[in-house]
């Protein structure tokens, strides 16, 4: 990965759990190892990059954008 001509260390990890396309990702400023994803499968999932599966799954009545 490169940014402004500087090589950055990068590690790509794939996280699988949603059953439909992901609409949005959001990282945590307070906990850099945590992020959230929302999907057309009507779920919000909280992830810890150190774990394979989501740490929390919240189901919604409607699709989240």
Protein backbone atom coordinates (compact mmCIF):
# COMPACT_ATOMS: atom_id res chain seq x y z
CA UNK A 1 0.00 0.00 0.00
CA UNK A 2 1.33 3.43 -0.86
CA UNK A 3 0.26 6.90 0.21
CA UNK A 4 1.97 10.08 -1.02
CA UNK A 5 4.96 8.06 -2.21
CA UNK A 6 5.51 6.49 1.22
CA UNK A 7 5.21 2.76 1.67
CA UNK A 8 2.87 1.84 4.51
CA UNK A 9 2.71 -1.51 6.23
CA UNK A 10 -0.55 -3.19 5.38
CA UNK A 11 -2.22 -6.44 6.40
CA UNK A 12 -5.41 -7.41 4.62
CA UNK A 13 -7.86 -9.66 6.45
CA UNK A 14 -11.21 -10.79 5.16
CA UNK A 15 -14.11 -10.91 7.63
CA UNK A 16 -17.09 -13.04 6.57
CA UNK A 17 -20.43 -13.21 8.32
CA UNK A 18 -22.98 -11.05 6.50
CA UNK A 19 -25.37 -12.83 4.12
CA UNK A 20 -25.94 -9.80 1.85
CA UNK A 21 -23.81 -6.88 0.59
CA UNK A 22 -22.21 -4.63 3.21
CA UNK A 23 -23.50 -1.04 3.03
CA UNK A 24 -21.08 0.68 5.42
CA UNK A 25 -18.05 0.19 7.67
CA UNK A 26 -17.05 2.36 10.60
CA UNK A 27 -13.89 2.21 12.69
CA UNK A 28 -13.60 3.04 16.36
CA UNK A 29 -11.44 5.97 17.43
CA UNK A 30 -11.41 4.72 21.02
CA UNK A 31 -10.56 1.09 20.22
CA UNK A 32 -8.46 0.75 17.08
CA UNK A 33 -8.97 -3.02 16.91
CA UNK A 34 -12.78 -2.62 16.66
CA UNK A 35 -15.03 -1.78 13.73
CA UNK A 36 -18.72 -2.03 12.83
CA UNK A 37 -20.42 -3.11 9.62
CA UNK A 38 -24.02 -2.79 8.45
CA UNK A 39 -25.53 -4.84 5.67
CA UNK A 40 -28.53 -5.39 3.43
CA UNK A 41 -29.09 -8.52 5.57
CA UNK A 42 -30.58 -6.15 8.19
CA UNK A 43 -27.78 -6.60 10.74
CA UNK A 44 -25.19 -4.46 12.45
CA UNK A 45 -22.09 -6.44 13.37
CA UNK A 46 -19.35 -5.39 15.77
CA UNK A 47 -15.93 -6.86 15.01
CA UNK A 48 -12.63 -7.22 16.81
CA UNK A 49 -9.83 -7.67 14.26
CA UNK A 50 -8.19 -10.20 16.59
CA UNK A 51 -11.16 -12.56 16.26
CA UNK A 52 -12.57 -14.45 13.28
CA UNK A 53 -16.27 -13.89 14.03
CA UNK A 54 -18.25 -10.79 15.06
CA UNK A 55 -18.29 -10.08 18.77
CA UNK A 56 -21.87 -8.80 18.58
CA UNK A 57 -24.76 -9.03 16.08
CA UNK A 58 -27.80 -6.74 16.24
CA UNK A 59 -30.77 -7.50 14.00
CA UNK A 60 -32.93 -4.66 12.70
CA UNK A 61 -36.42 -4.50 11.20
CA UNK A 62 -35.23 -2.50 8.20
CA UNK A 63 -32.11 -2.38 6.06
CA UNK A 64 -29.51 0.02 7.46
CA UNK A 65 -27.80 2.46 5.15
